[in-house]
Structures are given as C-alpha cells and as structure tokens.
Amino acid sequence: MQSQNPFLDELAKMTTSAMSLAQAAGEEAKTAFRSQADRFVADMDLVRRDELEALKAEIADLKAQVAALLKERSVSATETSIKPKGKGVKPDVDLPVD
C-alpha cells in the first residue's frame, strides 16, 4: 500500500535500508568477535578435544598394564611364600656327628 505523501514513502525506504544496514553491521560484528575469540583461544595454547581423547585412551591402557603387573607381582609373591622350605636346604651350622 503506497501513500500519497512522498515524505512517508521516502521515510519507509530509509527505514528499510537502515534495517538492512544494521543487520549487515551485526553480522560483521559477530564475525569480528568470533575472529577475536579464535585468536584468543589459539594464544592460550589449549589442548584440542581429539588430543585429549587420545591421551585418555593412552592413560586407560597404562592403567590396565599397571594393574596386570601388580596382579602378576602379587601372584609371584604368593607362590614364593607357598614353596616348602626344608627339602634340599643346607643348614647354616655344621652339627657334630656322634
């Protein structure tokens, strides 16, 4: 619907162009902010998620290896304490024979 007043038509056109200009400025501000945030994070030298997941997997493997070694050591210690002492053991002191 067009009005008969050219001033109002011109005002509507200016308002429409101002809105599109504001929207473009908002997009540009968002892009600039994202760029600043990316640069800030890069300067902080943070670890990436894939590197973190790889380290978690490596730690889990190492924990499993440590648990296996501890179990093996425990079994070995138990076997050593169970071995019979006395057969084939030479006494430290020579006893006189009568």
N, C-alpha and C. Protein backbone atom coordinates (compact mmCIF):
# COMPACT_ATOMS: atom_id res chain seq x y z
N MET A 1 0.84 -1.17 0.00
CA MET A 1 0.00 0.00 0.00
C MET A 1 0.89 1.23 0.00
N GLN A 2 0.73 2.06 -0.98
CA GLN A 2 1.53 3.28 -1.07
C GLN A 2 0.69 4.46 -0.60
N SER A 3 1.39 5.37 0.04
CA SER A 3 0.68 6.56 0.50
C SER A 3 0.82 7.67 -0.54
N GLN A 4 0.03 8.67 -0.38
CA GLN A 4 0.07 9.80 -1.30
C GLN A 4 1.18 10.77 -0.92
N ASN A 5 1.70 10.61 0.27
CA ASN A 5 2.72 11.54 0.76
C ASN A 5 4.10 11.01 0.38
N PRO A 6 4.89 11.72 -0.44
CA PRO A 6 6.22 11.25 -0.81
C PRO A 6 7.18 11.22 0.37
N PHE A 7 6.94 12.06 1.36
CA PHE A 7 7.80 12.07 2.55
C PHE A 7 7.70 10.73 3.28
N LEU A 8 6.50 10.22 3.44
CA LEU A 8 6.32 8.94 4.12
C LEU A 8 6.93 7.79 3.31
N ASP A 9 6.80 7.85 1.99
CA ASP A 9 7.42 6.83 1.14
C ASP A 9 8.94 6.84 1.31
N GLU A 10 9.49 8.01 1.31
CA GLU A 10 10.95 8.15 1.47
C GLU A 10 11.37 7.67 2.86
N LEU A 11 10.59 7.98 3.88
CA LEU A 11 10.89 7.55 5.25
C LEU A 11 10.84 6.02 5.34
N ALA A 12 9.89 5.39 4.69
CA ALA A 12 9.78 3.93 4.70
C ALA A 12 10.99 3.30 4.01
N LYS A 13 11.42 3.87 2.89
CA LYS A 13 12.60 3.36 2.19
C LYS A 13 13.85 3.49 3.05
N MET A 14 13.99 4.64 3.70
CA MET A 14 15.17 4.86 4.56
C MET A 14 15.16 3.90 5.75
N THR A 15 13.99 3.66 6.31
CA THR A 15 13.88 2.74 7.44
C THR A 15 14.25 1.32 7.01
N THR A 16 13.78 0.91 5.85
CA THR A 16 14.10 -0.42 5.33
C THR A 16 15.59 -0.56 5.08
N SER A 17 16.20 0.45 4.46
CA SER A 17 17.64 0.37 4.19
C SER A 17 18.44 0.44 5.49
N ALA A 18 17.95 1.20 6.47
CA ALA A 18 18.64 1.28 7.76
C ALA A 18 18.60 -0.07 8.47
N MET A 19 17.48 -0.77 8.36
CA MET A 19 17.37 -2.09 8.99
C MET A 19 18.33 -3.09 8.34
N SER A 20 18.42 -3.08 7.01
CA SER A 20 19.34 -4.00 6.35
C SER A 20 20.79 -3.63 6.66
N LEU A 21 21.07 -2.33 6.79
CA LEU A 21 22.41 -1.88 7.16
C LEU A 21 22.75 -2.33 8.58
N ALA A 22 21.79 -2.22 9.49
CA ALA A 22 22.01 -2.65 10.87
C ALA A 22 22.23 -4.16 10.94
N GLN A 23 21.48 -4.89 10.12
CA GLN A 23 21.65 -6.34 10.10
C GLN A 23 23.04 -6.71 9.58
N ALA A 24 23.49 -6.04 8.54
CA ALA A 24 24.83 -6.30 7.99
C ALA A 24 25.90 -5.94 9.01
N ALA A 25 25.70 -4.84 9.74
CA ALA A 25 26.66 -4.44 10.76
C ALA A 25 26.71 -5.47 11.89
N GLY A 26 25.55 -6.02 12.23
CA GLY A 26 25.50 -7.06 13.26
C GLY A 26 26.26 -8.31 12.83
N GLU A 27 26.10 -8.71 11.59
CA GLU A 27 26.83 -9.88 11.07
C GLU A 27 28.33 -9.61 11.07
N GLU A 28 28.72 -8.40 10.69
CA GLU A 28 30.14 -8.06 10.67
C GLU A 28 30.72 -8.05 12.09
N ALA A 29 29.94 -7.54 13.05
CA ALA A 29 30.39 -7.54 14.44
C ALA A 29 30.54 -8.97 14.96
N LYS A 30 29.60 -9.83 14.59
CA LYS A 30 29.67 -11.23 15.02
C LYS A 30 30.91 -11.91 14.46
N THR A 31 31.20 -11.65 13.19
CA THR A 31 32.39 -12.22 12.55
C THR A 31 33.66 -11.72 13.21
N ALA A 32 33.71 -10.42 13.51
CA ALA A 32 34.89 -9.85 14.16
C ALA A 32 35.07 -10.43 15.56
N PHE A 33 33.98 -10.58 16.30
CA PHE A 33 34.07 -11.15 17.65
C PHE A 33 34.55 -12.60 17.60
N ARG A 34 34.02 -13.36 16.66
CA ARG A 34 34.43 -14.76 16.52
C ARG A 34 35.92 -14.86 16.19
N SER A 35 36.38 -13.97 15.33
CA SER A 35 37.80 -13.95 14.96
C SER A 35 38.67 -13.64 16.18
N GLN A 36 38.25 -12.66 16.97
CA GLN A 36 38.99 -12.31 18.19
C GLN A 36 39.00 -13.48 19.17
N ALA A 37 37.87 -14.14 19.33
CA ALA A 37 37.78 -15.27 20.26
C ALA A 37 38.67 -16.42 19.79
N ASP A 38 38.68 -16.70 18.48
CA ASP A 38 39.54 -17.76 17.95
C ASP A 38 41.01 -17.43 18.18
N ARG A 39 41.39 -16.19 17.97
CA ARG A 39 42.77 -15.77 18.20
C ARG A 39 43.14 -15.89 19.68
N PHE A 40 42.22 -15.50 20.56
CA PHE A 40 42.45 -15.58 22.00
C PHE A 40 42.67 -17.03 22.44
N VAL A 41 41.82 -17.93 21.95
CA VAL A 41 41.95 -19.35 22.30
C VAL A 41 43.25 -19.92 21.75
N ALA A 42 43.63 -19.52 20.55
CA ALA A 42 44.89 -20.00 19.96
C ALA A 42 46.09 -19.53 20.78
N ASP A 43 46.02 -18.32 21.30
CA ASP A 43 47.12 -17.79 22.11
C ASP A 43 47.22 -18.49 23.46
N MET A 44 46.10 -19.04 23.95
CA MET A 44 46.11 -19.73 25.24
C MET A 44 46.74 -21.11 25.15
N ASP A 45 46.97 -21.62 23.96
CA ASP A 45 47.59 -22.92 23.74
C ASP A 45 46.81 -24.03 24.45
N LEU A 46 45.51 -24.05 24.22
CA LEU A 46 44.65 -25.07 24.80
C LEU A 46 44.76 -26.37 24.01
N VAL A 47 44.48 -27.47 24.68
CA VAL A 47 44.53 -28.77 24.02
C VAL A 47 43.23 -28.98 23.25
N ARG A 48 43.35 -29.62 22.09
CA ARG A 48 42.17 -29.92 21.28
C ARG A 48 41.51 -31.19 21.81
N ARG A 49 40.23 -31.34 21.50
CA ARG A 49 39.46 -32.48 22.01
C ARG A 49 40.03 -33.81 21.53
N ASP A 50 40.45 -33.90 20.28
CA ASP A 50 40.98 -35.17 19.78
C ASP A 50 42.27 -35.55 20.48
N GLU A 51 43.10 -34.54 20.82
CA GLU A 51 44.32 -34.83 21.57
C GLU A 51 43.98 -35.30 22.98
N LEU A 52 42.98 -34.68 23.59
CA LEU A 52 42.56 -35.08 24.93
C LEU A 52 42.03 -36.51 24.94
N GLU A 53 41.23 -36.86 23.95
CA GLU A 53 40.68 -38.22 23.88
C GLU A 53 41.79 -39.25 23.67
N ALA A 54 42.80 -38.90 22.86
CA ALA A 54 43.93 -39.81 22.64
C ALA A 54 44.70 -40.03 23.94
N LEU A 55 44.90 -38.95 24.71
CA LEU A 55 45.60 -39.09 25.99
C LEU A 55 44.78 -39.91 26.99
N LYS A 56 43.47 -39.73 26.99
CA LYS A 56 42.62 -40.53 27.88
C LYS A 56 42.74 -42.01 27.56
N ALA A 57 42.75 -42.34 26.27
CA ALA A 57 42.87 -43.75 25.86
C ALA A 57 44.23 -44.30 26.26
N GLU A 58 45.28 -43.52 26.10
CA GLU A 58 46.62 -43.97 26.48
C GLU A 58 46.72 -44.18 27.98
N ILE A 59 46.11 -43.30 28.76
CA ILE A 59 46.13 -43.44 30.22
C ILE A 59 45.37 -44.70 30.63
N ALA A 60 44.24 -44.97 29.98
CA ALA A 60 43.48 -46.19 30.30
C ALA A 60 44.30 -47.44 30.01
N ASP A 61 45.03 -47.44 28.90
CA ASP A 61 45.90 -48.58 28.57
C ASP A 61 47.00 -48.74 29.61
N LEU A 62 47.60 -47.63 30.02
CA LEU A 62 48.67 -47.71 31.02
C LEU A 62 48.14 -48.19 32.36
N LYS A 63 46.94 -47.76 32.74
CA LYS A 63 46.34 -48.24 33.99
C LYS A 63 46.12 -49.75 33.93
N ALA A 64 45.67 -50.24 32.80
CA ALA A 64 45.46 -51.68 32.64
C ALA A 64 46.78 -52.44 32.75
N GLN A 65 47.83 -51.89 32.15
CA GLN A 65 49.15 -52.53 32.23
C GLN A 65 49.66 -52.55 33.67
N VAL A 66 49.49 -51.45 34.39
CA VAL A 66 49.93 -51.39 35.79
C VAL A 66 49.14 -52.40 36.63
N ALA A 67 47.84 -52.48 36.41
CA ALA A 67 47.03 -53.44 37.16
C ALA A 67 47.48 -54.87 36.88
N ALA A 68 47.79 -55.18 35.63
CA ALA A 68 48.26 -56.52 35.28
C ALA A 68 49.60 -56.81 35.94
N LEU A 69 50.49 -55.83 35.94
CA LEU A 69 51.80 -56.03 36.58
C LEU A 69 51.66 -56.22 38.09
N LEU A 70 50.78 -55.46 38.72
CA LEU A 70 50.57 -55.61 40.16
C LEU A 70 49.98 -56.98 40.48
N LYS A 71 49.06 -57.44 39.64
CA LYS A 71 48.47 -58.76 39.85
C LYS A 71 49.54 -59.84 39.69
N GLU A 72 50.38 -59.69 38.66
CA GLU A 72 51.45 -60.65 38.42
C GLU A 72 52.42 -60.68 39.60
N ARG A 73 52.75 -59.50 40.12
CA ARG A 73 53.67 -59.42 41.27
C ARG A 73 53.04 -60.07 42.49
N SER A 74 51.76 -59.86 42.69
CA SER A 74 51.06 -60.45 43.83
C SER A 74 51.04 -61.97 43.73
N VAL A 75 50.77 -62.48 42.55
CA VAL A 75 50.76 -63.93 42.34
C VAL A 75 52.16 -64.49 42.56
N SER A 76 53.17 -63.81 42.07
CA SER A 76 54.55 -64.27 42.24
C SER A 76 54.94 -64.30 43.72
N ALA A 77 54.54 -63.26 44.46
CA ALA A 77 54.85 -63.22 45.89
C ALA A 77 54.12 -64.32 46.63
N THR A 78 52.90 -64.61 46.24
CA THR A 78 52.13 -65.68 46.87
C THR A 78 52.77 -67.03 46.59
N GLU A 79 53.21 -67.26 45.37
CA GLU A 79 53.86 -68.52 45.02
C GLU A 79 55.16 -68.69 45.79
N THR A 80 55.90 -67.62 45.98
CA THR A 80 57.16 -67.69 46.72
C THR A 80 56.92 -68.04 48.17
N SER A 81 55.87 -67.49 48.77
CA SER A 81 55.60 -67.76 50.18
C SER A 81 55.03 -69.16 50.39
N ILE A 82 54.49 -69.79 49.37
CA ILE A 82 53.91 -71.12 49.49
C ILE A 82 54.95 -72.22 49.33
N LYS A 83 56.06 -71.97 48.66
CA LYS A 83 57.07 -73.01 48.41
C LYS A 83 57.54 -73.62 49.72
N PRO A 84 57.64 -74.95 49.77
CA PRO A 84 58.09 -75.62 51.01
C PRO A 84 59.57 -75.35 51.27
N LYS A 85 59.86 -75.08 52.53
CA LYS A 85 61.25 -74.85 52.93
C LYS A 85 61.70 -76.07 53.72
N GLY A 86 62.80 -76.59 53.50
CA GLY A 86 63.27 -77.73 54.27
C GLY A 86 63.83 -78.82 53.41
N LYS A 87 63.28 -79.06 52.29
CA LYS A 87 63.82 -80.07 51.40
C LYS A 87 64.94 -79.44 50.60
N GLY A 88 66.07 -80.05 50.70
CA GLY A 88 67.22 -79.58 49.95
C GLY A 88 67.86 -78.33 50.51
N VAL A 89 67.47 -77.96 51.71
CA VAL A 89 68.07 -76.76 52.31
C VAL A 89 69.19 -77.21 53.22
N LYS A 90 70.35 -76.65 53.05
CA LYS A 90 71.50 -76.99 53.87
C LYS A 90 71.51 -76.08 55.09
N PRO A 91 71.70 -76.66 56.29
CA PRO A 91 71.72 -75.81 57.48
C PRO A 91 72.95 -74.91 57.48
N ASP A 92 72.80 -73.78 58.13
CA ASP A 92 73.90 -72.82 58.20
C ASP A 92 75.02 -73.30 59.13
N VAL A 93 74.71 -74.14 60.10
CA VAL A 93 75.69 -74.59 61.09
C VAL A 93 75.94 -76.08 60.89
N ASP A 94 77.22 -76.47 60.95
CA ASP A 94 77.55 -77.89 60.86
C ASP A 94 77.35 -78.52 62.24
N LEU A 95 76.55 -79.54 62.30
CA LEU A 95 76.30 -80.21 63.56
C LEU A 95 77.29 -81.37 63.71
N PRO A 96 77.78 -81.59 64.93
CA PRO A 96 78.72 -82.70 65.13
C PRO A 96 78.00 -84.05 64.96
N VAL A 97 78.70 -84.97 64.33
CA VAL A 97 78.14 -86.30 64.11
C VAL A 97 78.73 -87.22 65.17
N ASP A 98 77.93 -87.98 65.96
CA ASP A 98 78.39 -88.89 67.02
C ASP A 98 78.47 -90.29 66.56
